[in-house]
Amino acid sequence: MSEQYDPKACYDLLDPERIKVGELRQGRYFEGAWEVGTLEGDVFHYNGEPAGKLEGLTLTRNGPPGELTQCQLVRQR
C-alpha cells in the first residue's frame, strides 16, 4: 500500500532529479516565501489555475508548457 497525502502535514516538493522546488504546507504551495498555489482534493492549482493532479505522494504537474513533470512529496519531519 502506498502512502497517502495528509492535508494537515507539510511536505517538500522534489522534482525528478530530487531537487526541492517548493513546499506544500497544509494544502498551500510555496516557492520560497511566496504562496503560489494550493492543493484542493487531488487537483493542484498554480497561480490560480489547475496545473496538475496528486496520486498518493506523486504530483504530476502540467509544466513546463507542453510537458508533464512528476514530482514527489516528501513529508517534513
C-alpha atoms as a PDB file:
ATOM      1  CA  MET A   1       0.000   0.000   0.000  1.00  0.00           C
ATOM      2  CA  SER A   2       1.406   3.415  -0.936  1.00  0.00           C
ATOM      3  CA  GLU A   3       1.482   6.374   1.381  1.00  0.00           C
ATOM      4  CA  GLN A   4      -1.310   8.887   1.129  1.00  0.00           C
ATOM      5  CA  TYR A   5      -1.233  12.662   1.325  1.00  0.00           C
ATOM      6  CA  ASP A   6      -2.144  14.132   4.734  1.00  0.00           C
ATOM      7  CA  PRO A   7      -3.663  17.606   4.220  1.00  0.00           C
ATOM      8  CA  LYS A   8      -2.630  18.623   7.755  1.00  0.00           C
ATOM      9  CA  ALA A   9       1.069  17.869   7.165  1.00  0.00           C
ATOM     10  CA  CYS A  10       3.930  19.754   5.494  1.00  0.00           C
ATOM     11  CA  TYR A  11       5.876  18.339   2.531  1.00  0.00           C
ATOM     12  CA  ASP A  12       8.862  19.202   0.372  1.00  0.00           C
ATOM     13  CA  LEU A  13       8.121  19.008  -3.361  1.00  0.00           C
ATOM     14  CA  LEU A  14      11.004  17.352  -5.213  1.00  0.00           C
ATOM     15  CA  ASP A  15      11.464  17.387  -8.988  1.00  0.00           C
ATOM     16  CA  PRO A  16      12.526  14.246 -10.925  1.00  0.00           C
ATOM     17  CA  GLU A  17      16.206  14.967 -10.082  1.00  0.00           C
ATOM     18  CA  ARG A  18      15.237  15.097  -6.358  1.00  0.00           C
ATOM     19  CA  ILE A  19      15.828  18.864  -6.194  1.00  0.00           C
ATOM     20  CA  LYS A  20      13.476  20.739  -3.880  1.00  0.00           C
ATOM     21  CA  VAL A  21      11.305  23.141  -5.862  1.00  0.00           C
ATOM     22  CA  GLY A  22       8.807  24.143  -3.178  1.00  0.00           C
ATOM     23  CA  GLU A  23       6.869  23.240  -0.063  1.00  0.00           C
ATOM     24  CA  LEU A  24       3.296  22.161   0.457  1.00  0.00           C
ATOM     25  CA  ARG A  25       2.137  23.372   3.870  1.00  0.00           C
ATOM     26  CA  GLN A  26      -1.320  22.197   4.876  1.00  0.00           C
ATOM     27  CA  GLY A  27      -2.581  22.401   1.303  1.00  0.00           C
ATOM     28  CA  ARG A  28      -0.872  25.710   0.465  1.00  0.00           C
ATOM     29  CA  TYR A  29       2.050  25.633  -2.006  1.00  0.00           C
ATOM     30  CA  PHE A  30       5.074  27.892  -1.509  1.00  0.00           C
ATOM     31  CA  GLU A  31       8.163  28.614  -3.593  1.00  0.00           C
ATOM     32  CA  GLY A  32      10.485  30.364  -1.169  1.00  0.00           C
ATOM     33  CA  ALA A  33       8.431  32.887   0.802  1.00  0.00           C
ATOM     34  CA  TRP A  34       5.766  33.241  -1.911  1.00  0.00           C
ATOM     35  CA  GLU A  35       2.480  31.345  -1.784  1.00  0.00           C
ATOM     36  CA  VAL A  36       1.844  30.422  -5.411  1.00  0.00           C
ATOM     37  CA  GLY A  37      -0.615  27.540  -5.309  1.00  0.00           C
ATOM     38  CA  THR A  38      -2.925  25.186  -3.476  1.00  0.00           C
ATOM     39  CA  LEU A  39      -3.907  21.552  -3.423  1.00  0.00           C
ATOM     40  CA  GLU A  40      -7.673  21.057  -3.346  1.00  0.00           C
ATOM     41  CA  GLY A  41      -8.580  17.387  -3.130  1.00  0.00           C
ATOM     42  CA  ASP A  42      -6.342  15.808  -5.760  1.00  0.00           C
ATOM     43  CA  VAL A  43      -6.129  18.916  -8.007  1.00  0.00           C
ATOM     44  CA  PHE A  44      -3.029  21.113  -7.844  1.00  0.00           C
ATOM     45  CA  HIS A  45      -3.563  24.803  -8.639  1.00  0.00           C
ATOM     46  CA  TYR A  46      -0.673  27.107  -9.582  1.00  0.00           C
ATOM     47  CA  ASN A  47      -1.228  30.870  -9.818  1.00  0.00           C
ATOM     48  CA  GLY A  48      -4.967  30.270  -9.612  1.00  0.00           C
ATOM     49  CA  GLU A  49      -5.141  27.783 -12.497  1.00  0.00           C
ATOM     50  CA  PRO A  50      -5.437  23.963 -12.421  1.00  0.00           C
ATOM     51  CA  ALA A  51      -1.897  22.717 -13.056  1.00  0.00           C
ATOM     52  CA  GLY A  52      -1.694  19.096 -12.035  1.00  0.00           C
ATOM     53  CA  LYS A  53      -3.012  16.087 -10.164  1.00  0.00           C
ATOM     54  CA  LEU A  54      -1.966  14.266  -6.997  1.00  0.00           C
ATOM     55  CA  GLU A  55      -1.912  10.464  -6.792  1.00  0.00           C
ATOM     56  CA  GLY A  56      -0.581   9.097  -3.496  1.00  0.00           C
ATOM     57  CA  LEU A  57       2.534  11.207  -2.928  1.00  0.00           C
ATOM     58  CA  THR A  58       3.212  11.804  -6.639  1.00  0.00           C
ATOM     59  CA  LEU A  59       2.234  15.174  -8.087  1.00  0.00           C
ATOM     60  CA  THR A  60       2.057  15.287 -11.880  1.00  0.00           C
ATOM     61  CA  ARG A  61       2.408  18.931 -12.922  1.00  0.00           C
ATOM     62  CA  ASN A  62       1.446  20.400 -16.291  1.00  0.00           C
ATOM     63  CA  GLY A  63       4.710  22.198 -16.864  1.00  0.00           C
ATOM     64  CA  PRO A  64       6.930  23.382 -18.232  1.00  0.00           C
ATOM     65  CA  PRO A  65       4.483  24.199 -21.068  1.00  0.00           C
ATOM     66  CA  GLY A  66       3.753  21.158 -23.202  1.00  0.00           C
ATOM     67  CA  GLU A  67       5.303  18.720 -20.707  1.00  0.00           C
ATOM     68  CA  LEU A  68       4.174  16.709 -17.697  1.00  0.00           C
ATOM     69  CA  THR A  69       6.565  16.623 -14.750  1.00  0.00           C
ATOM     70  CA  GLN A  70       6.249  14.051 -11.976  1.00  0.00           C
ATOM     71  CA  CYS A  71       7.309  15.385  -8.598  1.00  0.00           C
ATOM     72  CA  GLN A  72       7.402  13.609  -5.246  1.00  0.00           C
ATOM     73  CA  LEU A  73       6.012  14.867  -1.957  1.00  0.00           C
ATOM     74  CA  VAL A  74       8.344  14.079   0.958  1.00  0.00           C
ATOM     75  CA  ARG A  75       6.889  14.652   4.390  1.00  0.00           C
ATOM     76  CA  GLN A  76       8.880  17.078   6.525  1.00  0.00           C
ATOM     77  CA  ARG A  77       9.975  15.827   9.938  1.00  0.00           C
END
